[in-house]
Protein backbone atom coordinates (compact mmCIF):
# COMPACT_ATOMS: atom_id res chain seq x y z
CA MET A 1 131.27 -85.58 108.75
CA ARG A 2 127.64 -84.80 108.05
CA LEU A 3 124.74 -85.33 110.44
CA SER A 4 123.84 -88.66 108.85
CA GLN A 5 127.33 -89.95 109.68
CA ARG A 6 127.03 -88.78 113.27
CA ARG A 7 123.66 -90.50 113.48
CA GLN A 8 125.27 -93.70 112.22
CA LEU A 9 127.94 -93.43 114.90
CA LEU A 10 125.29 -92.82 117.55
CA SER A 11 122.92 -95.53 116.32
CA LYS A 12 124.67 -98.15 118.39
CA TYR A 13 123.90 -96.17 121.53
CA VAL A 14 120.27 -95.16 121.00
CA ALA A 15 117.16 -96.57 119.40
CA ARG A 16 116.22 -93.55 117.30
CA PRO A 17 116.78 -89.78 117.21
CA CYS A 18 114.38 -87.40 118.90
CA TYR A 19 113.40 -84.05 117.49
CA LYS A 20 112.07 -80.85 118.88
CA GLY A 21 108.68 -80.10 117.44
CA ASN A 22 105.71 -82.08 116.19
CA GLY A 23 107.19 -84.99 114.28
CA LYS A 24 109.50 -82.90 112.16
CA ASN A 25 112.28 -84.76 110.41
CA LEU A 26 115.73 -83.66 109.37
CA ALA A 27 114.52 -82.46 106.00
CA ASN A 28 112.59 -79.72 107.82
CA ALA A 29 115.31 -78.90 110.29
CA GLY A 30 115.99 -75.63 108.53
CA SER A 31 112.62 -74.23 109.58
CA GLY A 32 114.20 -72.95 112.77
CA ASP A 33 113.61 -75.80 115.19
CA HIS A 34 116.62 -77.46 116.68
CA TYR A 35 117.01 -81.18 116.38
CA HIS A 36 119.08 -83.23 118.75
CA PHE A 37 119.89 -86.68 119.91
CA PRO A 38 118.57 -88.40 123.01
CA THR A 39 120.58 -87.94 126.15
CA ASP A 40 121.07 -91.67 126.77
CA GLN A 41 124.47 -92.23 128.28
CA PRO A 42 126.97 -93.97 125.98
CA LYS A 43 128.22 -97.33 127.07
CA SER A 44 131.82 -96.38 127.72
CA LEU A 45 134.24 -93.51 128.10
CA MET A 46 135.62 -94.25 124.63
CA GLU A 47 132.16 -93.95 123.07
CA THR A 48 131.63 -90.63 124.84
CA PHE A 49 134.94 -89.39 123.49
CA GLN A 50 134.06 -90.56 119.97
CA MET A 51 130.77 -88.64 119.95
CA LYS A 52 132.34 -85.46 121.31
CA PHE A 53 135.25 -85.69 118.88
CA VAL A 54 132.98 -86.16 115.86
CA ALA A 55 130.86 -83.16 116.91
CA PHE A 56 133.97 -81.02 117.37
CA CYS A 57 135.31 -82.01 113.96
CA GLU A 58 132.03 -80.92 112.40
CA PHE A 59 132.02 -77.67 114.36
CA ALA A 60 135.66 -76.84 113.59
CA ARG A 61 135.31 -77.63 109.86
CA LEU A 62 138.53 -79.59 109.72
CA TYR A 63 138.85 -79.27 105.94
CA SER A 64 139.67 -75.59 106.47
CA PHE A 65 142.43 -76.53 108.93
CA VAL A 66 143.91 -78.97 106.44
CA GLY A 67 143.86 -76.27 103.76
CA ARG A 68 145.43 -73.69 106.05
CA GLY A 69 148.04 -76.14 107.33
CA LEU A 70 149.09 -77.18 103.83
CA SER A 71 149.24 -73.52 102.86
CA ILE A 72 151.68 -72.88 105.70
CA VAL A 73 153.82 -75.86 104.74
CA SER A 74 153.93 -74.94 101.05
CA SER A 75 154.71 -71.28 101.82
CA SER A 76 157.45 -72.36 104.21
CA PHE A 77 159.00 -74.69 101.63
CA LEU A 78 159.34 -71.73 99.27
CA GLY A 79 162.23 -70.67 101.49
CA ILE A 80 164.06 -73.96 100.96
CA GLU A 81 167.14 -73.43 98.77
CA LYS A 82 168.96 -76.71 99.40
CA LEU A 83 168.13 -80.07 100.97
CA SER A 84 170.14 -79.30 104.09
CA ASP A 85 167.64 -76.50 104.85
CA ILE A 86 165.10 -79.19 105.77
CA SER A 87 166.27 -79.50 109.36
CA LEU A 88 164.84 -79.66 112.88
CA LEU A 89 165.11 -75.87 112.96
CA PHE A 90 162.96 -75.59 109.84
CA LEU A 91 160.41 -78.19 110.98
CA SER A 92 160.15 -76.55 114.39
CA GLY A 93 159.45 -73.17 112.78
CA VAL A 94 156.75 -74.65 110.56
CA LEU A 95 155.13 -76.47 113.49
CA LYS A 96 155.00 -73.30 115.58
CA ALA A 97 153.26 -71.48 112.73
CA ILE A 98 150.75 -74.31 112.25
CA VAL A 99 149.82 -74.50 115.94
CA ALA A 100 149.31 -70.73 116.31
CA THR A 101 147.29 -70.60 113.10
CA PHE A 102 145.16 -73.58 114.18
CA PHE A 103 143.72 -71.50 116.99
CA VAL A 104 143.01 -68.38 114.93
CA GLN A 105 141.36 -70.58 112.28
CA LEU A 106 139.22 -72.12 115.02
CA TYR A 107 138.33 -68.58 116.12
CA ILE A 108 137.10 -67.45 112.70
CA ASN A 109 135.13 -70.67 112.20
CA SER A 110 133.57 -70.26 115.66
CA ILE A 111 132.61 -66.61 115.33
CA ASN A 112 131.15 -67.29 111.89
CA GLN A 113 128.83 -69.93 113.34
CA LEU A 114 127.91 -67.70 116.30
CA GLU A 115 126.78 -64.96 113.93
CA ASP A 116 125.14 -67.34 111.43
CA ILE A 117 123.01 -69.53 113.69
CA GLU A 118 119.72 -68.75 111.94
CA ILE A 119 121.25 -69.03 108.46
CA ASP A 120 122.90 -72.33 109.34
CA LYS A 121 119.57 -73.77 110.49
CA ILE A 122 118.60 -73.52 106.82
CA ASN A 123 121.88 -74.02 104.97
CA LYS A 124 123.82 -76.28 107.35
CA PRO A 125 121.46 -77.71 109.98
CA TYR A 126 123.92 -80.50 110.73
CA LEU A 127 126.42 -78.13 112.39
CA PRO A 128 126.58 -78.65 116.17
CA LEU A 129 125.59 -75.09 117.10
CA ALA A 130 122.72 -74.89 114.61
CA SER A 131 121.45 -78.33 115.66
CA GLY A 132 121.65 -77.59 119.37
CA GLU A 133 124.43 -80.05 120.17
CA TYR A 134 126.59 -77.09 121.25
CA SER A 135 125.21 -74.24 123.35
CA ILE A 136 125.86 -70.60 122.54
CA GLU A 137 127.78 -70.25 125.81
CA THR A 138 130.08 -73.14 124.88
CA VAL A 139 130.86 -71.64 121.47
CA ARG A 140 131.51 -68.22 122.99
CA ILE A 141 134.09 -69.78 125.29
CA ILE A 142 135.72 -71.60 122.36
CA THR A 143 135.74 -68.38 120.33
CA ALA A 144 137.35 -66.20 122.99
CA SER A 145 139.87 -68.76 124.21
CA SER A 146 141.04 -69.72 120.71
CA ALA A 147 141.61 -66.06 119.78
CA LEU A 148 143.63 -65.42 122.94
CA MET A 149 145.62 -68.62 122.47
CA SER A 150 146.57 -67.78 118.89
CA PHE A 151 147.95 -64.35 119.80
CA TRP A 152 149.74 -65.67 122.89
CA LEU A 153 151.46 -68.42 120.91
CA ALA A 154 152.50 -66.05 118.11
CA TRP A 155 153.87 -63.61 120.69
CA MET A 156 155.80 -66.35 122.48
CA VAL A 157 157.37 -67.53 119.21
CA GLY A 158 158.67 -64.00 118.65
CA SER A 159 158.22 -63.97 114.88
CA TRP A 160 156.72 -60.72 113.62
CA PRO A 161 155.73 -62.20 110.25
CA LEU A 162 153.82 -64.95 112.09
CA PHE A 163 152.20 -62.47 114.47
CA SER A 164 151.20 -60.31 111.49
CA ALA A 165 149.59 -63.31 109.77
CA ILE A 166 147.58 -64.12 112.91
CA LEU A 167 146.50 -60.49 113.20
CA VAL A 168 145.37 -60.27 109.56
CA ILE A 169 143.38 -63.51 109.78
CA PHE A 170 141.79 -62.36 113.06
CA VAL A 171 140.83 -58.90 111.79
CA PHE A 172 139.38 -59.91 108.44
CA GLY A 173 137.79 -63.06 109.85
CA THR A 174 136.03 -60.86 112.40
CA ILE A 175 134.81 -58.13 110.07
CA TYR A 176 133.63 -60.81 107.64
CA SER A 177 131.24 -62.34 110.17
CA ILE A 178 130.46 -60.09 113.13
CA ASN A 179 127.12 -58.28 112.97
CA LEU A 180 128.04 -54.71 113.92
CA PRO A 181 127.62 -51.39 112.08
CA PHE A 182 129.86 -51.17 109.00
CA LEU A 183 131.01 -54.76 109.55
CA ARG A 184 129.64 -58.20 108.57
CA TRP A 185 131.20 -57.84 105.14
CA LYS A 186 129.86 -61.21 104.06
CA ARG A 187 126.59 -59.42 103.25
CA SER A 188 128.35 -57.82 100.28
CA ALA A 189 129.75 -60.06 97.57
CA PHE A 190 132.59 -57.63 96.83
CA LEU A 191 133.57 -57.07 100.47
CA ALA A 192 133.37 -60.79 101.20
CA ALA A 193 135.76 -61.49 98.32
CA LEU A 194 138.03 -58.71 99.62
CA CYS A 195 138.16 -60.40 103.04
CA VAL A 196 139.13 -63.74 101.51
CA PHE A 197 141.77 -62.07 99.35
CA ALA A 198 143.17 -60.19 102.36
CA MET A 199 143.51 -63.46 104.25
CA GLY A 200 145.26 -64.95 101.21
CA VAL A 201 148.08 -62.75 99.87
CA PRO A 202 149.29 -61.25 103.19
CA THR A 203 149.20 -64.54 105.08
CA GLU A 204 150.92 -66.55 102.35
CA LEU A 205 153.58 -63.85 102.23
CA ALA A 206 153.86 -63.73 106.03
CA PHE A 207 154.37 -67.48 106.37
CA TYR A 208 157.09 -67.37 103.71
CA LEU A 209 158.80 -64.47 105.49
CA HIS A 210 158.45 -66.30 108.81
CA THR A 211 160.62 -69.08 107.38
CA GLN A 212 162.94 -66.90 105.30
CA THR A 213 163.71 -64.17 107.83
CA PHE A 214 162.88 -65.58 111.26
CA VAL A 215 163.70 -69.29 110.96
CA PHE A 216 166.65 -69.05 108.54
CA GLY A 217 167.66 -65.47 109.33
CA ARG A 218 168.04 -64.59 105.65
CA PRO A 219 167.11 -61.33 103.93
CA ALA A 220 163.70 -61.21 102.30
CA TYR A 221 163.60 -61.65 98.55
CA PHE A 222 160.88 -62.67 96.12
CA PRO A 223 161.82 -65.12 93.35
CA LYS A 224 159.39 -66.27 90.67
CA ARG A 225 158.08 -69.21 92.67
CA VAL A 226 157.06 -66.92 95.55
CA ILE A 227 155.25 -64.44 93.31
CA PHE A 228 153.46 -67.24 91.45
CA THR A 229 152.40 -68.95 94.69
CA LEU A 230 151.02 -65.72 96.16
CA ALA A 231 149.03 -65.00 93.00
CA PHE A 232 147.82 -68.55 92.36
CA MET A 233 146.75 -69.39 95.90
CA SER A 234 145.07 -66.03 96.47
CA ILE A 235 143.01 -66.14 93.27
CA PHE A 236 142.19 -69.81 93.82
CA THR A 237 140.87 -69.22 97.34
CA VAL A 238 138.82 -66.18 96.28
CA VAL A 239 137.14 -68.15 93.47
CA ALA A 240 136.55 -71.06 95.87
CA ALA A 241 134.97 -68.65 98.36
CA ILE A 242 132.64 -67.31 95.66
CA PHE A 243 131.69 -70.88 94.75
CA LYS A 244 131.05 -71.72 98.42
CA ASP A 245 127.92 -69.57 98.43
CA ILE A 246 126.20 -71.49 95.61
CA PRO A 247 124.68 -74.20 97.85
CA ASP A 248 123.77 -71.57 100.48
CA VAL A 249 121.50 -69.45 98.30
CA ASP A 250 118.25 -70.26 100.13
CA GLY A 251 119.41 -69.19 103.58
CA ASP A 252 121.38 -66.23 102.25
CA LYS A 253 118.32 -64.84 100.44
CA ILE A 254 116.18 -65.03 103.57
CA HIS A 255 118.78 -63.29 105.74
CA GLY A 256 119.85 -60.60 103.28
CA VAL A 257 123.29 -61.90 102.36
CA ARG A 258 123.93 -60.55 98.86
CA SER A 259 126.42 -63.12 97.62
CA PHE A 260 127.28 -63.37 93.92
CA ALA A 261 125.16 -66.54 93.74
CA VAL A 262 122.15 -64.67 95.14
CA GLN A 263 122.62 -61.69 92.80
CA PHE A 264 123.43 -63.47 89.54
CA GLY A 265 122.10 -67.00 90.00
CA LYS A 266 123.72 -70.38 90.57
CA GLU A 267 124.27 -71.22 86.91
CA LYS A 268 126.07 -68.02 85.98
CA VAL A 269 128.32 -68.03 89.07
CA PHE A 270 129.14 -71.71 88.56
CA SER A 271 130.14 -71.05 84.95
CA ILE A 272 132.29 -68.05 85.89
CA CYS A 273 134.06 -70.00 88.64
CA PHE A 274 134.65 -72.90 86.26
CA VAL A 275 136.25 -70.65 83.64
CA LEU A 276 138.39 -68.87 86.24
CA PHE A 277 139.70 -72.16 87.61
CA GLN A 278 140.63 -73.28 84.10
CA ILE A 279 142.39 -69.97 83.41
CA ILE A 280 144.40 -70.37 86.62
CA TYR A 281 145.57 -73.79 85.49
CA VAL A 282 146.51 -72.49 82.03
CA VAL A 283 148.61 -69.75 83.66
CA ALA A 284 150.28 -72.37 85.87
CA ILE A 285 151.15 -74.42 82.79
CA LEU A 286 152.65 -71.36 81.07
CA VAL A 287 154.70 -70.57 84.18
CA GLY A 288 155.94 -74.15 84.20
CA LEU A 289 157.07 -73.85 80.59
CA THR A 290 159.37 -70.96 81.56
CA SER A 291 161.23 -73.03 84.16
CA SER A 292 164.96 -73.45 83.60
CA GLN A 293 164.94 -76.79 85.42
CA LYS A 294 163.75 -79.69 83.24
CA TRP A 295 162.37 -81.69 86.17
CA SER A 296 160.43 -78.67 87.45
CA LYS A 297 159.10 -77.89 83.97
CA PHE A 298 157.87 -81.47 83.48
CA ILE A 299 156.22 -81.77 86.90
CA THR A 300 154.58 -78.34 86.78
CA VAL A 301 153.21 -78.68 83.25
CA ALA A 302 152.11 -82.32 83.47
CA SER A 303 150.49 -82.00 86.90
CA HIS A 304 148.49 -78.88 86.04
CA ILE A 305 147.28 -80.38 82.77
CA CYS A 306 146.04 -83.38 84.77
CA LEU A 307 144.39 -81.20 87.43
CA ALA A 308 142.69 -79.05 84.78
CA LEU A 309 141.29 -82.14 83.05
CA ILE A 310 140.14 -83.67 86.34
CA HIS A 311 138.43 -80.41 87.29
CA TRP A 312 136.78 -80.21 83.85
CA SER A 313 135.52 -83.79 84.07
CA ARG A 314 134.23 -83.42 87.62
CA ALA A 315 132.45 -80.14 86.87
CA LYS A 316 130.44 -81.77 84.06
CA SER A 317 128.76 -84.10 86.56
CA VAL A 318 127.54 -81.39 88.96
CA ASP A 319 123.77 -81.02 89.34
CA LEU A 320 123.14 -77.42 90.41
CA GLY A 321 119.63 -78.35 91.51
CA ASN A 322 121.04 -80.86 93.99
CA LYS A 323 122.60 -79.27 97.07
CA THR A 324 124.49 -82.45 97.92
CA SER A 325 126.06 -82.52 94.45
CA VAL A 326 127.15 -78.87 94.65
CA THR A 327 128.53 -79.25 98.17
CA SER A 328 130.44 -82.36 97.12
CA PHE A 329 132.02 -80.42 94.25
CA TYR A 330 132.97 -77.62 96.65
CA MET A 331 134.79 -80.14 98.84
CA PHE A 332 136.48 -81.45 95.68
CA ILE A 333 137.77 -77.92 95.03
CA TRP A 334 139.45 -78.04 98.43
CA LYS A 335 141.17 -81.27 97.38
CA LEU A 336 142.49 -79.47 94.30
CA LEU A 337 143.85 -76.79 96.63
CA TYR A 338 145.51 -79.48 98.75
CA ALA A 339 147.17 -80.87 95.62
CA GLU A 340 148.41 -77.42 94.65
CA SER A 341 150.03 -77.00 98.06
CA PHE A 342 152.32 -79.91 97.23
CA LEU A 343 153.13 -78.61 93.75
CA VAL A 344 153.99 -74.93 94.23
CA PRO A 345 157.24 -75.54 96.16
CA LEU A 346 158.51 -77.52 93.14
CA ILE A 347 158.29 -74.53 90.80
CA ARG A 348 161.76 -73.25 89.95
């Protein structure tokens, strides 16, 4: 939810929002001043819970959790060889992986916002930390506790592939954001893309191996569907990460983040990302045509043709001069990724 939606939720509790500064409105929130809501007490415990829950959802960036969760599910289903494999044992193994990964994903989202407070006041002033709804101390506690929880859960499960996935996400999520010498790789377009790639291929592979070797106790092997999924999802997420920086150009320029969008311009990066997405879909169609199973061939080819056309149509309506339009398209890309998570296990 964006700030306007939180304001709508809060409007039934307060007369109007208050702002720090001399009459500044939300349009100027990126100037560095925090904006916040009045401290009037909500009318009930339920209303208090609603407000805190909405703020947490905004802080945690739930779309990233959905993407990560679906990635785990799709990678796990790659290990399914027959319908009887879908058992309580399998579902329990998937759930354990999702819960442990939830906390490490919360960690990387938290540390990113801790290190990007000033940038977010310009690019994403609606985020709870940038807006002042969350204090720095609160976010530090969330960051540390979520990291510890993720490693503890992975250790308790006893799956080395799962523990390795948590470790990789933690390490590259940290060096991507944290502002220390030789770190904060997000300042370099190439190193930022490398971080995203590193959190793609190894983790997709680790979640598959978690199911294949730990849950089912089978030897590791890599059929076509596994190789395709690793390649497709990794390239897709890297291109999506490059696109993510397009609406953030203003804040990135001010704070020295040399993203591809800053270096080459919004239009060129948008065009490159568009072409790469279309190429990915063409490759998926070609892979589908090689399937020996007629049902798999039909579903893979037909679905990726549809997704490519939908992406093409949606991209034509994007106004690069309108931040809301670009951000909306970025969220649409995540929906395409969600759709792909359901399709890749069907490739045979």
